[in-house]
Amino acid sequence: MKILVTGASGHLGSKIVEFLAESVPTSDIIAGVRDTQSEKAQAFAAQGIEVRETDFEQKDTLLQAFQGIDRVFIVSTFGDIESSIRQQTHAVEAAKETGVAQMVYSSAPRADVSDFFLAGIHRVREEIIKESGIPYVFVRNNWYVENDLATIQQCLDGAPWVTSAGEGKVGWVYRPDLAEVTANILTGENHDNKIYELSGENLTQQQFVDAINEVTGKSIPLLAVDDASYSDMLKDANVPNDAATLLVMVQKGIREGGLENAHSDLEMLLGRKPTSVKEALQQLLN
């Protein structure tokens, strides 16, 4: 069985490849990357892993890359709505035309019903996959602990943890756990047309900061503000307008419950307890 991982040079994709290599022959793994000459691509090749170009803007590269593939991991691409739909359509059409037997797609928490602003485009992408008729698996990944590393570092350097998320909770999850689960699905059976919510323990911003303080021995204070003040502070810190708008929307979405999950399939698919936020922080900060 041949398994292709698109976005294999990224943080999630490369970890998926790493976990796959622990359970199947490297000759059965294909790493899909945009730049086949990159350092990461060369490292894959050195391990005996075939590297193929997968540019979601260039359907021809996907048609070539998907040849002989049984299962493919479709990474979430970034961009505006138009480009996201176009890229997803390219991937699905290529999978259909080459006879791919299963697509595994990295989606967002409760993408079918969530009002969280990031969920909408994932909902559209999920529908594109469903309409193809190809067996699918949606892994709805919650917020990576790693997403907040830059902010954590600023706080370790003396800044407060600024948030307008109020008491909203986030199911922070350790990215390697998500990669391990995805690899398990790609090599496993009985996952066709399944949707899995992959979330960690739901924590407030204060609980997350408490975990950072416990791990680092620091006393990072939390500064609770409203969205307007949060936006002003970002602008004062010279954060570009587009990025600042995105960050404010994330805070608002968290406050409104967009990243809190009542149910998670993570432990079931891992076959063990997920990595806790504290354990993840110990791995990332020490």
Protein backbone atom coordinates (compact mmCIF):
# COMPACT_ATOMS: atom_id res chain seq x y z
CA MET A 1 0.00 0.00 0.00
CA LYS A 2 1.40 3.35 -1.07
CA ILE A 3 0.77 6.37 1.15
CA LEU A 4 1.38 9.96 0.02
CA VAL A 5 1.68 12.80 2.52
CA THR A 6 1.19 16.24 0.99
CA GLY A 7 2.76 19.17 2.83
CA ALA A 8 5.48 16.77 3.95
CA SER A 9 8.01 19.54 4.44
CA GLY A 10 5.75 21.29 6.96
CA HIS A 11 5.68 20.79 10.71
CA LEU A 12 2.66 18.47 10.74
CA GLY A 13 3.39 16.66 7.49
CA SER A 14 7.00 15.87 8.36
CA LYS A 15 5.92 14.39 11.70
CA ILE A 16 3.32 12.25 9.94
CA VAL A 17 6.04 10.91 7.65
CA GLU A 18 8.21 10.26 10.69
CA PHE A 19 5.49 8.20 12.39
CA LEU A 20 4.67 6.35 9.18
CA ALA A 21 8.31 5.32 8.86
CA GLU A 22 8.06 3.62 12.24
CA SER A 23 5.29 1.28 11.10
CA VAL A 24 5.58 0.70 7.34
CA PRO A 25 8.51 0.29 4.92
CA THR A 26 9.88 3.60 3.69
CA SER A 27 9.34 2.30 0.16
CA ASP A 28 5.60 2.59 0.81
CA ILE A 29 5.82 6.27 1.83
CA ILE A 30 5.86 9.16 -0.62
CA ALA A 31 6.59 12.67 0.59
CA GLY A 32 4.73 15.36 -1.32
CA VAL A 33 6.48 18.74 -1.30
CA ARG A 34 6.39 21.92 -3.34
CA ASP A 35 10.19 22.10 -3.64
CA THR A 36 11.80 18.74 -4.36
CA GLN A 37 15.26 20.30 -3.95
CA SER A 38 14.66 21.60 -0.45
CA GLU A 39 16.70 20.44 2.52
CA LYS A 40 13.72 18.58 3.94
CA ALA A 41 13.07 16.84 0.63
CA GLN A 42 16.69 15.76 0.42
CA ALA A 43 16.50 14.41 3.95
CA PHE A 44 13.49 12.29 3.00
CA ALA A 45 15.31 10.93 -0.05
CA ALA A 46 18.28 10.01 2.14
CA GLN A 47 15.93 7.86 4.23
CA GLY A 48 14.75 5.99 1.14
CA ILE A 49 11.48 7.90 0.96
CA GLU A 50 10.37 8.88 -2.53
CA VAL A 51 9.78 12.60 -2.99
CA ARG A 52 7.23 13.97 -5.44
CA GLU A 53 6.21 17.53 -6.28
CA THR A 54 2.75 18.46 -5.01
CA ASP A 55 1.81 22.04 -5.85
CA PHE A 56 -1.90 22.52 -5.21
CA GLU A 57 -1.95 25.40 -7.70
CA GLN A 58 -0.61 23.10 -10.42
CA LYS A 59 -3.02 20.21 -10.90
CA ASP A 60 -0.59 18.46 -13.26
CA THR A 61 1.87 17.98 -10.39
CA LEU A 62 -0.88 16.36 -8.33
CA LEU A 63 -1.90 14.06 -11.19
CA GLN A 64 1.68 12.86 -11.46
CA ALA A 65 2.22 12.63 -7.71
CA PHE A 66 -0.98 10.65 -7.07
CA GLN A 67 -0.13 7.93 -9.60
CA GLY A 68 -0.12 4.53 -7.91
CA ILE A 69 -1.18 6.01 -4.56
CA ASP A 70 -3.67 4.15 -2.37
CA ARG A 71 -4.10 6.67 0.44
CA VAL A 72 -3.28 10.37 0.53
CA PHE A 73 -3.09 12.90 3.32
CA ILE A 74 -4.42 16.24 2.09
CA VAL A 75 -2.88 19.06 4.08
CA SER A 76 -4.84 22.26 4.66
CA THR A 77 -3.49 25.01 2.43
CA PHE A 78 -3.59 28.69 3.32
CA GLY A 79 -5.06 31.49 1.28
CA ASP A 80 -8.25 33.33 0.44
CA ILE A 81 -11.53 31.50 -0.13
CA GLU A 82 -11.17 31.41 -3.91
CA SER A 83 -7.67 29.95 -3.87
CA SER A 84 -8.54 27.49 -1.10
CA ILE A 85 -11.47 26.11 -3.08
CA ARG A 86 -9.42 25.96 -6.26
CA GLN A 87 -6.55 24.13 -4.56
CA GLN A 88 -8.85 21.64 -2.82
CA THR A 89 -10.68 21.00 -6.09
CA HIS A 90 -7.39 20.31 -7.83
CA ALA A 91 -6.42 17.78 -5.16
CA VAL A 92 -9.78 16.01 -5.20
CA GLU A 93 -9.98 15.88 -8.99
CA ALA A 94 -6.45 14.49 -9.15
CA ALA A 95 -7.29 11.86 -6.55
CA LYS A 96 -10.40 10.83 -8.50
CA GLU A 97 -8.62 10.70 -11.85
CA THR A 98 -5.76 8.57 -10.50
CA GLY A 99 -7.87 6.13 -8.50
CA VAL A 100 -6.82 7.09 -4.98
CA ALA A 101 -8.72 4.85 -2.55
CA GLN A 102 -8.84 7.13 0.49
CA MET A 103 -8.28 10.80 1.33
CA VAL A 104 -7.41 11.95 4.85
CA TYR A 105 -7.94 15.69 5.32
CA SER A 106 -6.80 17.92 8.19
CA SER A 107 -9.83 20.02 9.09
CA ALA A 108 -10.97 22.25 11.96
CA PRO A 109 -12.95 21.55 15.16
CA ARG A 110 -16.65 20.91 14.47
CA ALA A 111 -16.17 22.30 10.97
CA ASP A 112 -19.68 21.32 9.89
CA VAL A 113 -21.46 23.38 12.57
CA SER A 114 -18.95 25.80 14.12
CA ASP A 115 -19.24 29.58 13.82
CA PHE A 116 -15.48 29.94 14.40
CA PHE A 117 -14.21 31.99 11.49
CA LEU A 118 -11.63 29.38 10.44
CA ALA A 119 -14.22 26.61 10.26
CA GLY A 120 -16.15 27.96 7.28
CA ILE A 121 -13.53 27.26 4.61
CA HIS A 122 -12.89 23.81 6.08
CA ARG A 123 -16.61 23.10 5.85
CA VAL A 124 -16.49 23.92 2.13
CA ARG A 125 -13.39 21.78 1.63
CA GLU A 126 -14.97 18.85 3.44
CA GLU A 127 -17.97 19.08 1.12
CA ILE A 128 -15.71 19.06 -1.96
CA ILE A 129 -14.15 15.84 -0.70
CA LYS A 130 -17.51 14.24 0.19
CA GLU A 131 -18.95 15.05 -3.23
CA SER A 132 -16.06 13.20 -4.93
CA GLY A 133 -17.38 9.85 -3.74
CA ILE A 134 -13.90 8.80 -2.63
CA PRO A 135 -13.76 7.33 0.89
CA TYR A 136 -12.56 10.06 3.25
CA VAL A 137 -11.40 10.65 6.80
CA PHE A 138 -11.60 14.11 8.36
CA VAL A 139 -9.21 14.73 11.23
CA ARG A 140 -10.48 17.91 12.87
CA ASN A 141 -7.42 19.23 14.64
CA ASN A 142 -7.74 21.69 17.49
CA TRP A 143 -5.30 24.49 18.32
CA TYR A 144 -1.63 23.42 18.46
CA VAL A 145 0.26 24.28 21.64
CA GLU A 146 3.04 25.16 19.18
CA ASN A 147 0.92 27.98 17.72
CA ASP A 148 1.57 30.00 20.88
CA LEU A 149 5.33 29.50 21.17
CA ALA A 150 6.19 33.00 19.90
CA THR A 151 3.80 34.58 22.41
CA ILE A 152 5.16 32.37 25.18
CA GLN A 153 8.69 33.51 24.39
CA GLN A 154 7.64 37.17 24.54
CA CYS A 155 6.12 36.51 27.96
CA LEU A 156 9.24 34.74 29.16
CA ASP A 157 11.10 37.90 28.13
CA GLY A 158 8.88 40.00 30.37
CA ALA A 159 5.63 40.72 28.55
CA PRO A 160 2.23 39.89 30.08
CA TRP A 161 -0.10 37.36 28.46
CA VAL A 162 -2.60 39.66 26.77
CA THR A 163 -5.96 38.22 25.80
CA SER A 164 -9.49 39.25 24.96
CA ALA A 165 -10.71 35.64 24.97
CA GLY A 166 -12.31 35.96 28.42
CA GLU A 167 -13.25 32.62 29.92
CA GLY A 168 -13.38 30.89 26.53
CA LYS A 169 -11.63 27.54 26.48
CA VAL A 170 -9.26 25.97 23.95
CA GLY A 171 -8.64 22.27 23.43
CA TRP A 172 -4.89 22.80 23.07
CA VAL A 173 -3.22 19.77 21.54
CA TYR A 174 0.38 18.70 21.00
CA ARG A 175 1.13 18.56 17.26
CA PRO A 176 3.09 15.26 17.39
CA ASP A 177 -0.02 13.60 18.88
CA LEU A 178 -2.01 14.73 15.83
CA ALA A 179 0.70 13.44 13.50
CA GLU A 180 0.76 10.08 15.27
CA VAL A 181 -3.03 9.75 15.03
CA THR A 182 -2.99 10.68 11.34
CA ALA A 183 -0.28 8.09 10.65
CA ASN A 184 -2.34 5.49 12.53
CA ILE A 185 -5.34 6.28 10.35
CA LEU A 186 -3.33 6.19 7.12
CA THR A 187 -2.02 2.72 7.96
CA GLY A 188 -5.15 1.41 9.67
CA GLU A 189 -8.48 -0.05 8.65
CA ASN A 190 -12.17 0.74 9.16
CA HIS A 191 -11.76 4.52 8.98
CA ASP A 192 -13.56 5.16 5.69
CA ASN A 193 -15.99 8.10 5.84
CA LYS A 194 -15.23 8.74 9.50
CA ILE A 195 -14.91 12.16 11.13
CA TYR A 196 -12.67 12.50 14.17
CA GLU A 197 -12.51 15.42 16.58
CA LEU A 198 -8.95 15.70 17.86
CA SER A 199 -8.73 17.94 20.89
CA GLY A 200 -6.86 18.10 24.16
CA GLU A 201 -8.05 19.20 27.57
CA ASN A 202 -10.17 22.36 27.40
CA LEU A 203 -8.38 25.18 29.23
CA THR A 204 -8.98 28.89 29.73
CA GLN A 205 -6.24 31.39 28.93
CA GLN A 206 -5.48 31.68 32.64
CA GLN A 207 -5.17 27.91 33.01
CA PHE A 208 -2.82 27.83 30.03
CA VAL A 209 -0.68 30.60 31.54
CA ASP A 210 -0.69 28.75 34.86
CA ALA A 211 0.73 25.71 33.06
CA ILE A 212 3.45 27.83 31.47
CA ASN A 213 4.35 29.29 34.86
CA GLU A 214 4.46 25.86 36.46
CA VAL A 215 6.78 24.50 33.76
CA THR A 216 9.09 27.53 33.59
CA GLY A 217 9.03 28.72 37.19
CA LYS A 218 8.01 32.17 35.96
CA SER A 219 5.14 34.37 37.14
CA ILE A 220 3.71 35.58 33.84
CA PRO A 221 0.71 37.82 34.53
CA LEU A 222 -2.46 37.66 32.45
CA LEU A 223 -3.81 40.97 31.14
CA ALA A 224 -7.48 40.70 30.18
CA VAL A 225 -8.65 43.33 27.67
CA ASP A 226 -11.49 43.83 25.19
CA ASP A 227 -11.12 43.27 21.45
CA ALA A 228 -10.60 46.96 20.67
CA SER A 229 -7.80 47.29 23.22
CA TYR A 230 -6.25 44.04 22.01
CA SER A 231 -6.28 45.37 18.45
CA ASP A 232 -4.72 48.67 19.55
CA MET A 233 -1.95 46.87 21.42
CA LEU A 234 -1.16 44.77 18.36
CA LYS A 235 -0.94 47.90 16.21
CA ASP A 236 1.30 49.54 18.79
CA ALA A 237 3.55 46.49 18.52
CA ASN A 238 3.72 47.05 14.74
CA VAL A 239 1.82 43.88 13.91
CA PRO A 240 0.61 44.20 10.27
CA ASN A 241 -3.09 45.05 9.94
CA ASP A 242 -4.09 41.76 8.30
CA ALA A 243 -2.32 39.73 10.96
CA ALA A 244 -3.77 41.88 13.75
CA THR A 245 -7.29 41.42 12.40
CA LEU A 246 -6.75 37.66 12.27
CA LEU A 247 -5.47 37.55 15.84
CA VAL A 248 -8.44 39.54 17.13
CA MET A 249 -10.80 37.17 15.33
CA VAL A 250 -9.07 34.22 16.98
CA GLN A 251 -9.56 35.78 20.41
CA LYS A 252 -13.22 36.51 19.67
CA GLY A 253 -13.73 32.99 18.38
CA ILE A 254 -12.19 31.47 21.50
CA ARG A 255 -14.35 33.70 23.73
CA GLU A 256 -17.44 32.46 21.89
CA GLY A 257 -16.50 28.81 22.32
CA GLY A 258 -15.12 28.10 18.86
CA LEU A 259 -12.19 26.01 20.07
CA GLU A 260 -13.82 24.21 22.99
CA ASN A 261 -14.67 20.60 22.26
CA ALA A 262 -17.10 18.54 24.30
CA HIS A 263 -15.78 15.33 22.74
CA SER A 264 -12.40 14.15 21.49
CA ASP A 265 -11.35 10.96 19.70
CA LEU A 266 -7.67 11.61 20.38
CA GLU A 267 -7.13 9.08 23.18
CA MET A 268 -9.05 6.35 21.33
CA LEU A 269 -6.98 6.78 18.17
CA LEU A 270 -3.67 7.11 20.01
CA GLY A 271 -4.34 4.06 22.15
CA ARG A 272 -2.95 5.99 25.12
CA LYS A 273 -3.48 9.17 27.09
CA PRO A 274 -2.79 12.26 24.97
CA THR A 275 0.15 14.49 25.86
CA SER A 276 -1.08 17.04 28.38
CA VAL A 277 -0.50 20.76 27.90
CA LYS A 278 2.01 20.71 30.74
CA GLU A 279 3.90 17.77 29.21
CA ALA A 280 3.86 19.45 25.81
CA LEU A 281 5.26 22.67 27.26
CA GLN A 282 8.00 20.71 29.03
CA GLN A 283 8.98 19.18 25.69
CA LEU A 284 8.86 22.48 23.83
CA LEU A 285 10.45 24.81 26.39
CA ASN A 286 13.10 22.67 28.07
